[in-house]
Amino acid sequence: MTPKYASYDGYPARFNRYEAWIFVRANKHWRRTDVASTLHEAAVLTETQFHHTFGHLPPLPPNAFTAA
């Protein structure tokens, strides 16, 4: 089972089985990244931990998690 929420090098990360997205604070946008390599180095968080750690973030892009 793939986690849904994580911290990757201090950045918020969201996952599903096919995609990983990292929020880049410097650019203030979500960036798609490789699931396997990102998950390998990410600290898995619960949804509650994720929101407590990172607070309010912009929504994921409309094309996020559309891959099948």
PDB file of N, CA and C in Angstrom:
ATOM      1  N   MET A   1       0.841  -1.183   0.000  1.00  0.00           N
ATOM      2  CA  MET A   1       0.000   0.000   0.000  1.00  0.00           C
ATOM      3  C   MET A   1       0.883   1.243   0.000  1.00  0.00           C
ATOM      4  N   THR A   2       0.605   2.155  -0.872  1.00  0.00           N
ATOM      5  CA  THR A   2       1.375   3.388  -0.974  1.00  0.00           C
ATOM      6  C   THR A   2       0.824   4.425   0.000  1.00  0.00           C
ATOM      7  N   PRO A   3       1.683   5.059   0.785  1.00  0.00           N
ATOM      8  CA  PRO A   3       1.200   6.116   1.680  1.00  0.00           C
ATOM      9  C   PRO A   3       0.647   7.285   0.874  1.00  0.00           C
ATOM     10  N   LYS A   4      -0.178   8.089   1.496  1.00  0.00           N
ATOM     11  CA  LYS A   4      -0.762   9.245   0.823  1.00  0.00           C
ATOM     12  C   LYS A   4      -0.071  10.546   1.194  1.00  0.00           C
ATOM     13  N   TYR A   5       0.522  10.600   2.392  1.00  0.00           N
ATOM     14  CA  TYR A   5       1.112  11.838   2.896  1.00  0.00           C
ATOM     15  C   TYR A   5       2.521  11.562   3.404  1.00  0.00           C
ATOM     16  N   ALA A   6       3.420  12.522   3.147  1.00  0.00           N
ATOM     17  CA  ALA A   6       4.798  12.340   3.596  1.00  0.00           C
ATOM     18  C   ALA A   6       5.516  13.684   3.644  1.00  0.00           C
ATOM     19  N   SER A   7       6.706  13.628   4.202  1.00  0.00           N
ATOM     20  CA  SER A   7       7.621  14.755   4.186  1.00  0.00           C
ATOM     21  C   SER A   7       8.864  14.281   3.439  1.00  0.00           C
ATOM     22  N   TYR A   8       9.231  15.001   2.404  1.00  0.00           N
ATOM     23  CA  TYR A   8      10.403  14.647   1.603  1.00  0.00           C
ATOM     24  C   TYR A   8      11.419  15.767   1.740  1.00  0.00           C
ATOM     25  N   ASP A   9      12.475  15.517   2.466  1.00  0.00           N
ATOM     26  CA  ASP A   9      13.528  16.516   2.692  1.00  0.00           C
ATOM     27  C   ASP A   9      12.938  17.822   3.242  1.00  0.00           C
ATOM     28  N   GLY A  10      11.917  17.674   4.090  1.00  0.00           N
ATOM     29  CA  GLY A  10      11.273  18.840   4.689  1.00  0.00           C
ATOM     30  C   GLY A  10      10.158  19.447   3.861  1.00  0.00           C
ATOM     31  N   TYR A  11       9.924  18.912   2.685  1.00  0.00           N
ATOM     32  CA  TYR A  11       8.864  19.417   1.818  1.00  0.00           C
ATOM     33  C   TYR A  11       7.635  18.522   1.909  1.00  0.00           C
ATOM     34  N   PRO A  12       6.443  19.105   1.843  1.00  0.00           N
ATOM     35  CA  PRO A  12       5.246  18.283   1.843  1.00  0.00           C
ATOM     36  C   PRO A  12       5.173  17.447   0.569  1.00  0.00           C
ATOM     37  N   ALA A  13       4.775  16.196   0.712  1.00  0.00           N
ATOM     38  CA  ALA A  13       4.670  15.293  -0.438  1.00  0.00           C
ATOM     39  C   ALA A  13       3.354  14.537  -0.368  1.00  0.00           C
ATOM     40  N   ARG A  14       2.741  14.358  -1.523  1.00  0.00           N
ATOM     41  CA  ARG A  14       1.498  13.587  -1.638  1.00  0.00           C
ATOM     42  C   ARG A  14       1.731  12.463  -2.635  1.00  0.00           C
ATOM     43  N   PHE A  15       1.125  11.306  -2.373  1.00  0.00           N
ATOM     44  CA  PHE A  15       1.340  10.115  -3.195  1.00  0.00           C
ATOM     45  C   PHE A  15       0.042   9.415  -3.534  1.00  0.00           C
ATOM     46  N   ASN A  16       0.087   8.680  -4.616  1.00  0.00           N
ATOM     47  CA  ASN A  16      -0.814   7.564  -4.848  1.00  0.00           C
ATOM     48  C   ASN A  16       0.053   6.489  -5.489  1.00  0.00           C
ATOM     49  N   ARG A  17      -0.526   5.445  -5.959  1.00  0.00           N
ATOM     50  CA  ARG A  17       0.283   4.342  -6.493  1.00  0.00           C
ATOM     51  C   ARG A  17       1.107   4.741  -7.717  1.00  0.00           C
ATOM     52  N   TYR A  18       0.639   5.698  -8.480  1.00  0.00           N
ATOM     53  CA  TYR A  18       1.250   6.039  -9.758  1.00  0.00           C
ATOM     54  C   TYR A  18       1.970   7.388  -9.791  1.00  0.00           C
ATOM     55  N   GLU A  19       1.695   8.242  -8.833  1.00  0.00           N
ATOM     56  CA  GLU A  19       2.244   9.603  -8.879  1.00  0.00           C
ATOM     57  C   GLU A  19       2.728  10.057  -7.504  1.00  0.00           C
ATOM     58  N   ALA A  20       3.692  10.954  -7.540  1.00  0.00           N
ATOM     59  CA  ALA A  20       4.145  11.648  -6.328  1.00  0.00           C
ATOM     60  C   ALA A  20       4.252  13.132  -6.666  1.00  0.00           C
ATOM     61  N   TRP A  21       3.825  13.950  -5.731  1.00  0.00           N
ATOM     62  CA  TRP A  21       3.875  15.401  -5.899  1.00  0.00           C
ATOM     63  C   TRP A  21       4.533  16.018  -4.670  1.00  0.00           C
ATOM     64  N   ILE A  22       5.430  16.964  -4.902  1.00  0.00           N
ATOM     65  CA  ILE A  22       6.113  17.677  -3.822  1.00  0.00           C
ATOM     66  C   ILE A  22       5.788  19.159  -3.958  1.00  0.00           C
ATOM     67  N   PHE A  23       5.488  19.788  -2.827  1.00  0.00           N
ATOM     68  CA  PHE A  23       5.233  21.223  -2.845  1.00  0.00           C
ATOM     69  C   PHE A  23       6.545  21.953  -2.641  1.00  0.00           C
ATOM     70  N   VAL A  24       6.933  22.737  -3.629  1.00  0.00           N
ATOM     71  CA  VAL A  24       8.181  23.499  -3.585  1.00  0.00           C
ATOM     72  C   VAL A  24       7.842  24.901  -3.089  1.00  0.00           C
ATOM     73  N   ARG A  25       8.211  25.156  -1.846  1.00  0.00           N
ATOM     74  CA  ARG A  25       7.841  26.434  -1.224  1.00  0.00           C
ATOM     75  C   ARG A  25       8.473  27.637  -1.924  1.00  0.00           C
ATOM     76  N   ALA A  26       9.691  27.489  -2.402  1.00  0.00           N
ATOM     77  CA  ALA A  26      10.368  28.616  -3.057  1.00  0.00           C
ATOM     78  C   ALA A  26       9.595  29.085  -4.295  1.00  0.00           C
ATOM     79  N   ASN A  27       9.024  28.148  -5.019  1.00  0.00           N
ATOM     80  CA  ASN A  27       8.263  28.474  -6.233  1.00  0.00           C
ATOM     81  C   ASN A  27       6.767  28.528  -5.980  1.00  0.00           C
ATOM     82  N   LYS A  28       6.357  28.098  -4.796  1.00  0.00           N
ATOM     83  CA  LYS A  28       4.951  28.072  -4.394  1.00  0.00           C
ATOM     84  C   LYS A  28       4.082  27.280  -5.363  1.00  0.00           C
ATOM     85  N   HIS A  29       4.567  26.100  -5.742  1.00  0.00           N
ATOM     86  CA  HIS A  29       3.765  25.232  -6.603  1.00  0.00           C
ATOM     87  C   HIS A  29       4.106  23.762  -6.356  1.00  0.00           C
ATOM     88  N   TRP A  30       3.193  22.905  -6.766  1.00  0.00           N
ATOM     89  CA  TRP A  30       3.405  21.467  -6.685  1.00  0.00           C
ATOM     90  C   TRP A  30       4.174  20.997  -7.906  1.00  0.00           C
ATOM     91  N   ARG A  31       5.105  20.079  -7.705  1.00  0.00           N
ATOM     92  CA  ARG A  31       5.915  19.521  -8.796  1.00  0.00           C
ATOM     93  C   ARG A  31       5.784  18.004  -8.760  1.00  0.00           C
ATOM     94  N   ARG A  32       5.477  17.429  -9.909  1.00  0.00           N
ATOM     95  CA  ARG A  32       5.395  15.976 -10.003  1.00  0.00           C
ATOM     96  C   ARG A  32       6.799  15.384  -9.963  1.00  0.00           C
ATOM     97  N   THR A  33       6.948  14.241  -9.304  1.00  0.00           N
ATOM     98  CA  THR A  33       8.251  13.605  -9.167  1.00  0.00           C
ATOM     99  C   THR A  33       8.085  12.083  -9.228  1.00  0.00           C
ATOM    100  N   ASP A  34       9.173  11.382  -9.237  1.00  0.00           N
ATOM    101  CA  ASP A  34       9.160   9.927  -9.330  1.00  0.00           C
ATOM    102  C   ASP A  34       8.703   9.300  -8.010  1.00  0.00           C
ATOM    103  N   VAL A  35       7.724   8.416  -8.089  1.00  0.00           N
ATOM    104  CA  VAL A  35       7.166   7.795  -6.889  1.00  0.00           C
ATOM    105  C   VAL A  35       8.216   6.987  -6.134  1.00  0.00           C
ATOM    106  N   ALA A  36       8.891   6.084  -6.805  1.00  0.00           N
ATOM    107  CA  ALA A  36       9.814   5.164  -6.129  1.00  0.00           C
ATOM    108  C   ALA A  36      10.949   5.895  -5.428  1.00  0.00           C
ATOM    109  N   SER A  37      11.619   6.788  -6.126  1.00  0.00           N
ATOM    110  CA  SER A  37      12.764   7.461  -5.505  1.00  0.00           C
ATOM    111  C   SER A  37      12.333   8.421  -4.400  1.00  0.00           C
ATOM    112  N   THR A  38      11.209   9.078  -4.572  1.00  0.00           N
ATOM    113  CA  THR A  38      10.725  10.002  -3.551  1.00  0.00           C
ATOM    114  C   THR A  38      10.262   9.243  -2.322  1.00  0.00           C
ATOM    115  N   LEU A  39       9.501   8.185  -2.522  1.00  0.00           N
ATOM    116  CA  LEU A  39       8.993   7.410  -1.400  1.00  0.00           C
ATOM    117  C   LEU A  39      10.127   6.749  -0.621  1.00  0.00           C
ATOM    118  N   HIS A  40      11.170   6.375  -1.313  1.00  0.00           N
ATOM    119  CA  HIS A  40      12.325   5.734  -0.668  1.00  0.00           C
ATOM    120  C   HIS A  40      12.940   6.639   0.401  1.00  0.00           C
ATOM    121  N   GLU A  41      12.928   7.941   0.156  1.00  0.00           N
ATOM    122  CA  GLU A  41      13.573   8.878   1.075  1.00  0.00           C
ATOM    123  C   GLU A  41      12.588   9.692   1.911  1.00  0.00           C
ATOM    124  N   ALA A  42      11.309   9.450   1.744  1.00  0.00           N
ATOM    125  CA  ALA A  42      10.293  10.248   2.429  1.00  0.00           C
ATOM    126  C   ALA A  42       9.982   9.700   3.817  1.00  0.00           C
ATOM    127  N   ALA A  43       9.567  10.593   4.697  1.00  0.00           N
ATOM    128  CA  ALA A  43       9.067  10.207   6.011  1.00  0.00           C
ATOM    129  C   ALA A  43       7.546  10.160   5.905  1.00  0.00           C
ATOM    130  N   VAL A  44       6.987   8.990   6.062  1.00  0.00           N
ATOM    131  CA  VAL A  44       5.551   8.806   5.931  1.00  0.00           C
ATOM    132  C   VAL A  44       4.832   9.474   7.098  1.00  0.00           C
ATOM    133  N   LEU A  45       3.744  10.175   6.786  1.00  0.00           N
ATOM    134  CA  LEU A  45       2.951  10.866   7.794  1.00  0.00           C
ATOM    135  C   LEU A  45       1.483  10.460   7.678  1.00  0.00           C
ATOM    136  N   THR A  46       0.766  10.540   8.775  1.00  0.00           N
ATOM    137  CA  THR A  46      -0.680  10.396   8.702  1.00  0.00           C
ATOM    138  C   THR A  46      -1.240  11.702   8.136  1.00  0.00           C
ATOM    139  N   GLU A  47      -2.489  11.690   7.750  1.00  0.00           N
ATOM    140  CA  GLU A  47      -3.104  12.923   7.247  1.00  0.00           C
ATOM    141  C   GLU A  47      -3.083  14.007   8.316  1.00  0.00           C
ATOM    142  N   THR A  48      -3.355  13.633   9.557  1.00  0.00           N
ATOM    143  CA  THR A  48      -3.345  14.596  10.655  1.00  0.00           C
ATOM    144  C   THR A  48      -1.951  15.179  10.862  1.00  0.00           C
ATOM    145  N   GLN A  49      -0.928  14.331  10.876  1.00  0.00           N
ATOM    146  CA  GLN A  49       0.454  14.808  11.027  1.00  0.00           C
ATOM    147  C   GLN A  49       0.826  15.738   9.872  1.00  0.00           C
ATOM    148  N   PHE A  50       0.427  15.363   8.662  1.00  0.00           N
ATOM    149  CA  PHE A  50       0.730  16.164   7.471  1.00  0.00           C
ATOM    150  C   PHE A  50       0.169  17.577   7.620  1.00  0.00           C
ATOM    151  N   HIS A  51      -1.117  17.675   7.962  1.00  0.00           N
ATOM    152  CA  HIS A  51      -1.749  18.992   8.078  1.00  0.00           C
ATOM    153  C   HIS A  51      -1.211  19.776   9.273  1.00  0.00           C
ATOM    154  N   HIS A  52      -0.886  19.097  10.346  1.00  0.00           N
ATOM    155  CA  HIS A  52      -0.305  19.769  11.508  1.00  0.00           C
ATOM    156  C   HIS A  52       1.094  20.305  11.176  1.00  0.00           C
ATOM    157  N   THR A  53       1.874  19.534  10.442  1.00  0.00           N
ATOM    158  CA  THR A  53       3.242  19.920  10.096  1.00  0.00           C
ATOM    159  C   THR A  53       3.290  21.034   9.061  1.00  0.00           C
ATOM    160  N   PHE A  54       2.465  20.931   8.025  1.00  0.00           N
ATOM    161  CA  PHE A  54       2.575  21.851   6.893  1.00  0.00           C
ATOM    162  C   PHE A  54       1.464  22.885   6.807  1.00  0.00           C
ATOM    163  N   GLY A  55       0.415  22.729   7.599  1.00  0.00           N
ATOM    164  CA  GLY A  55      -0.666  23.708   7.580  1.00  0.00           C
ATOM    165  C   GLY A  55      -1.399  23.722   6.252  1.00  0.00           C
ATOM    166  N   HIS A  56      -1.913  24.887   5.913  1.00  0.00           N
ATOM    167  CA  HIS A  56      -2.684  25.036   4.680  1.00  0.00           C
ATOM    168  C   HIS A  56      -1.742  25.161   3.482  1.00  0.00           C
ATOM    169  N   LEU A  57      -1.985  24.350   2.470  1.00  0.00           N
ATOM    170  CA  LEU A  57      -1.201  24.392   1.238  1.00  0.00           C
ATOM    171  C   LEU A  57      -2.139  24.640   0.060  1.00  0.00           C
ATOM    172  N   PRO A  58      -1.623  25.190  -1.026  1.00  0.00           N
ATOM    173  CA  PRO A  58      -2.456  25.326  -2.216  1.00  0.00           C
ATOM    174  C   PRO A  58      -2.914  23.942  -2.695  1.00  0.00           C
ATOM    175  N   PRO A  59      -4.041  23.881  -3.378  1.00  0.00           N
ATOM    176  CA  PRO A  59      -4.495  22.583  -3.873  1.00  0.00           C
ATOM    177  C   PRO A  59      -3.528  22.011  -4.908  1.00  0.00           C
ATOM    178  N   LEU A  60      -3.567  20.707  -5.037  1.00  0.00           N
ATOM    179  CA  LEU A  60      -2.787  20.051  -6.085  1.00  0.00           C
ATOM    180  C   LEU A  60      -3.300  20.512  -7.445  1.00  0.00           C
ATOM    181  N   PRO A  61      -2.457  20.463  -8.476  1.00  0.00           N
ATOM    182  CA  PRO A  61      -2.900  20.854  -9.809  1.00  0.00           C
ATOM    183  C   PRO A  61      -4.050  19.966 -10.297  1.00  0.00           C
ATOM    184  N   PRO A  62      -4.863  20.465 -11.218  1.00  0.00           N
ATOM    185  CA  PRO A  62      -5.996  19.689 -11.724  1.00  0.00           C
ATOM    186  C   PRO A  62      -5.593  18.352 -12.338  1.00  0.00           C
ATOM    187  N   ASN A  63      -4.381  18.259 -12.872  1.00  0.00           N
ATOM    188  CA  ASN A  63      -3.936  17.012 -13.507  1.00  0.00           C
ATOM    189  C   ASN A  63      -3.303  16.034 -12.516  1.00  0.00           C
ATOM    190  N   ALA A  64      -3.259  16.376 -11.234  1.00  0.00           N
ATOM    191  CA  ALA A  64      -2.674  15.477 -10.222  1.00  0.00           C
ATOM    192  C   ALA A  64      -3.554  14.251 -10.025  1.00  0.00           C
ATOM    193  N   PHE A  65      -2.906  13.116  -9.934  1.00  0.00           N
ATOM    194  CA  PHE A  65      -3.553  11.838  -9.674  1.00  0.00           C
ATOM    195  C   PHE A  65      -4.571  11.454 -10.729  1.00  0.00           C
ATOM    196  N   THR A  66      -4.288  11.812 -11.968  1.00  0.00           N
ATOM    197  CA  THR A  66      -5.167  11.405 -13.056  1.00  0.00           C
ATOM    198  C   THR A  66      -4.590  10.234 -13.836  1.00  0.00           C
ATOM    199  N   ALA A  67      -3.330   9.867 -13.555  1.00  0.00           N
ATOM    200  CA  ALA A  67      -2.717   8.730 -14.238  1.00  0.00           C
ATOM    201  C   ALA A  67      -3.330   7.445 -13.710  1.00  0.00           C
ATOM    202  N   ALA A  68      -3.467   6.494 -14.604  1.00  0.00           N
ATOM    203  CA  ALA A  68      -4.069   5.220 -14.166  1.00  0.00           C
ATOM    204  C   ALA A  68      -3.065   4.093 -14.285  1.00  0.00           C
TER     205      ALA A  68
END
